[in-house]
Amino acid sequence: KANAALGLRWAPIYGKVNLVADLPVHFNFYLWAGPGFAALERESIVYCQQASADRTCAAPRVDHANRLMGSAAVGMRFFTHRGGAIRLELRDTFFADSFLIDVDRRVAEQGGQTGAPASSPGLIHAVTADVGYTFIF
């Protein structure tokens, strides 16, 4: 649903490309990493709490969680003038997963509790590619 992160950016490469003789375009390549906090919501595709007459799921289980997360990015900025830049970025946001195993759908549909937490669920990665414009103040 929402997340917030603080991070450090390292820009090891800064350069200039001349598109035409009198139009220099400055750019930088950067790496970004940092911790954050996420408010998560998951709708289950397995755990159905109420089935409809045609055997489709009328009320899937919905879980809410607040978790620590990490975020890492790699990107480039092409400066158009002192106050802005075109940004290309690839970002990975990741957090610890949790889910149930051995869910019995019949028990769940009758309102009973079923399933057990997975012992080692791993990490969820949400990878995004961004193209945008950055305003620099």
Protein backbone atom coordinates (compact mmCIF):
# COMPACT_ATOMS: atom_id res chain seq x y z
CA LYS A 1 0.00 0.00 0.00
CA ALA A 2 2.77 2.45 0.90
CA ASN A 3 6.47 2.67 1.67
CA ALA A 4 9.12 5.17 2.68
CA ALA A 5 12.90 4.80 2.41
CA LEU A 6 16.03 6.75 3.27
CA GLY A 7 19.17 6.09 1.31
CA LEU A 8 22.58 7.11 0.15
CA ARG A 9 23.36 7.89 -3.46
CA TRP A 10 26.84 7.48 -4.93
CA ALA A 11 27.53 9.00 -8.34
CA PRO A 12 30.94 7.66 -9.47
CA ILE A 13 30.61 8.68 -13.15
CA TYR A 14 29.91 12.19 -14.35
CA GLY A 15 30.32 13.20 -17.95
CA LYS A 16 29.34 15.34 -20.89
CA VAL A 17 28.12 14.40 -24.36
CA ASN A 18 27.82 16.92 -27.19
CA LEU A 19 24.72 16.12 -29.22
CA VAL A 20 25.57 18.89 -31.65
CA ALA A 21 28.55 21.23 -31.54
CA ASP A 22 26.92 23.83 -29.26
CA LEU A 23 24.59 21.62 -27.16
CA PRO A 24 26.42 19.79 -24.36
CA VAL A 25 24.38 17.32 -22.28
CA HIS A 26 25.76 16.56 -18.84
CA PHE A 27 24.95 13.21 -17.22
CA ASN A 28 25.74 11.13 -14.17
CA PHE A 29 25.47 7.46 -13.35
CA TYR A 30 24.48 6.61 -9.78
CA LEU A 31 23.95 3.77 -7.32
CA TRP A 32 21.43 4.14 -4.49
CA ALA A 33 20.74 1.95 -1.42
CA GLY A 34 18.94 2.29 1.88
CA PRO A 35 16.48 0.90 4.44
CA GLY A 36 12.82 1.72 4.74
CA PHE A 37 9.41 0.80 6.06
CA ALA A 38 6.46 -0.69 4.12
CA ALA A 39 2.73 -1.02 4.84
CA LEU A 40 1.70 -4.16 2.96
CA GLU A 41 -1.62 -5.74 1.98
CA ARG A 42 -1.94 -9.19 0.41
CA GLU A 43 -5.05 -10.86 -1.01
CA SER A 44 -4.65 -14.65 -1.07
CA ILE A 45 -5.26 -16.65 -4.23
CA VAL A 46 -5.38 -19.91 -2.23
CA TYR A 47 -7.10 -19.15 1.09
CA CYS A 48 -10.81 -18.59 0.35
CA GLN A 49 -12.95 -17.72 3.37
CA GLN A 50 -16.28 -17.98 1.54
CA ALA A 51 -17.16 -19.64 -1.76
CA SER A 52 -20.04 -18.49 -3.94
CA ALA A 53 -22.71 -20.79 -5.43
CA ASP A 54 -20.68 -21.22 -8.64
CA ARG A 55 -17.58 -22.32 -6.61
CA THR A 56 -15.64 -19.09 -7.15
CA CYS A 57 -14.12 -17.28 -4.22
CA ALA A 58 -16.42 -14.57 -2.85
CA ALA A 59 -14.17 -13.56 0.09
CA PRO A 60 -10.43 -14.23 -0.19
CA ARG A 61 -8.24 -13.87 2.88
CA VAL A 62 -6.64 -10.40 3.14
CA ASP A 63 -3.58 -9.89 5.34
CA HIS A 64 -2.09 -6.56 6.45
CA ALA A 65 1.50 -6.20 7.68
CA ASN A 66 4.05 -3.51 8.45
CA ARG A 67 7.60 -4.56 7.63
CA LEU A 68 11.12 -3.27 7.36
CA MET A 69 12.33 -3.20 3.77
CA GLY A 70 15.43 -2.51 1.77
CA SER A 71 15.81 -0.70 -1.52
CA ALA A 72 18.60 -0.53 -4.10
CA ALA A 73 18.74 1.30 -7.42
CA VAL A 74 20.96 2.01 -10.38
CA GLY A 75 20.26 4.91 -12.69
CA MET A 76 21.33 7.74 -14.95
CA ARG A 77 20.37 11.40 -15.04
CA PHE A 78 20.71 13.59 -18.12
CA PHE A 79 20.73 17.25 -17.04
CA THR A 80 18.63 19.45 -19.30
CA HIS A 81 19.50 22.66 -17.42
CA ARG A 82 20.43 23.75 -13.86
CA GLY A 83 16.94 23.02 -12.53
CA GLY A 84 16.19 19.57 -13.88
CA ALA A 85 17.18 16.26 -15.39
CA ILE A 86 15.69 13.32 -17.26
CA ARG A 87 16.01 10.23 -15.07
CA LEU A 88 16.26 6.54 -16.03
CA GLU A 89 16.27 4.16 -13.07
CA LEU A 90 15.99 0.46 -12.21
CA ARG A 91 14.97 -0.11 -8.56
CA ASP A 92 14.58 -3.23 -6.40
CA THR A 93 12.48 -2.97 -3.23
CA PHE A 94 12.61 -6.09 -1.07
CA PHE A 95 11.17 -7.33 2.22
CA ALA A 96 10.79 -10.55 4.22
CA ASP A 97 7.91 -12.70 3.04
CA SER A 98 5.42 -14.75 5.06
CA PHE A 99 2.76 -17.16 3.86
CA LEU A 100 0.79 -20.23 4.89
CA ILE A 101 1.42 -23.76 3.64
CA ASP A 102 -0.86 -26.83 3.77
CA VAL A 103 -4.07 -24.77 3.47
CA ASP A 104 -7.22 -26.93 3.29
CA ARG A 105 -9.71 -24.97 1.18
CA ARG A 106 -12.77 -26.81 2.58
CA VAL A 107 -11.83 -25.94 6.17
CA ALA A 108 -11.15 -22.31 5.20
CA GLU A 109 -14.49 -21.97 3.37
CA GLN A 110 -16.31 -23.15 6.52
CA GLY A 111 -14.63 -20.40 8.58
CA GLY A 112 -12.02 -22.62 10.23
CA GLN A 113 -8.35 -21.85 10.64
CA THR A 114 -6.06 -23.91 8.43
CA GLY A 115 -2.47 -23.85 7.25
CA ALA A 116 0.85 -23.31 8.98
CA PRO A 117 3.38 -20.51 8.56
CA ALA A 118 6.20 -21.37 6.14
CA SER A 119 9.43 -22.02 8.03
CA SER A 120 11.74 -20.20 5.59
CA PRO A 121 9.71 -18.03 3.18
CA GLY A 122 12.57 -15.87 1.86
CA LEU A 123 12.38 -12.37 0.37
CA ILE A 124 9.92 -10.72 -2.00
CA HIS A 125 11.49 -8.48 -4.66
CA ALA A 126 9.49 -5.75 -6.40
CA VAL A 127 11.57 -4.50 -9.33
CA THR A 128 10.53 -1.31 -11.12
CA ALA A 129 11.89 0.60 -14.10
CA ASP A 130 11.31 4.37 -13.99
CA VAL A 131 11.59 7.07 -16.60
CA GLY A 132 10.90 10.55 -15.31
CA TYR A 133 11.93 14.11 -14.84
CA THR A 134 13.68 15.30 -11.69
CA PHE A 135 13.33 18.92 -10.54
CA ILE A 136 16.46 20.12 -8.74
CA PHE A 137 16.04 22.93 -6.19
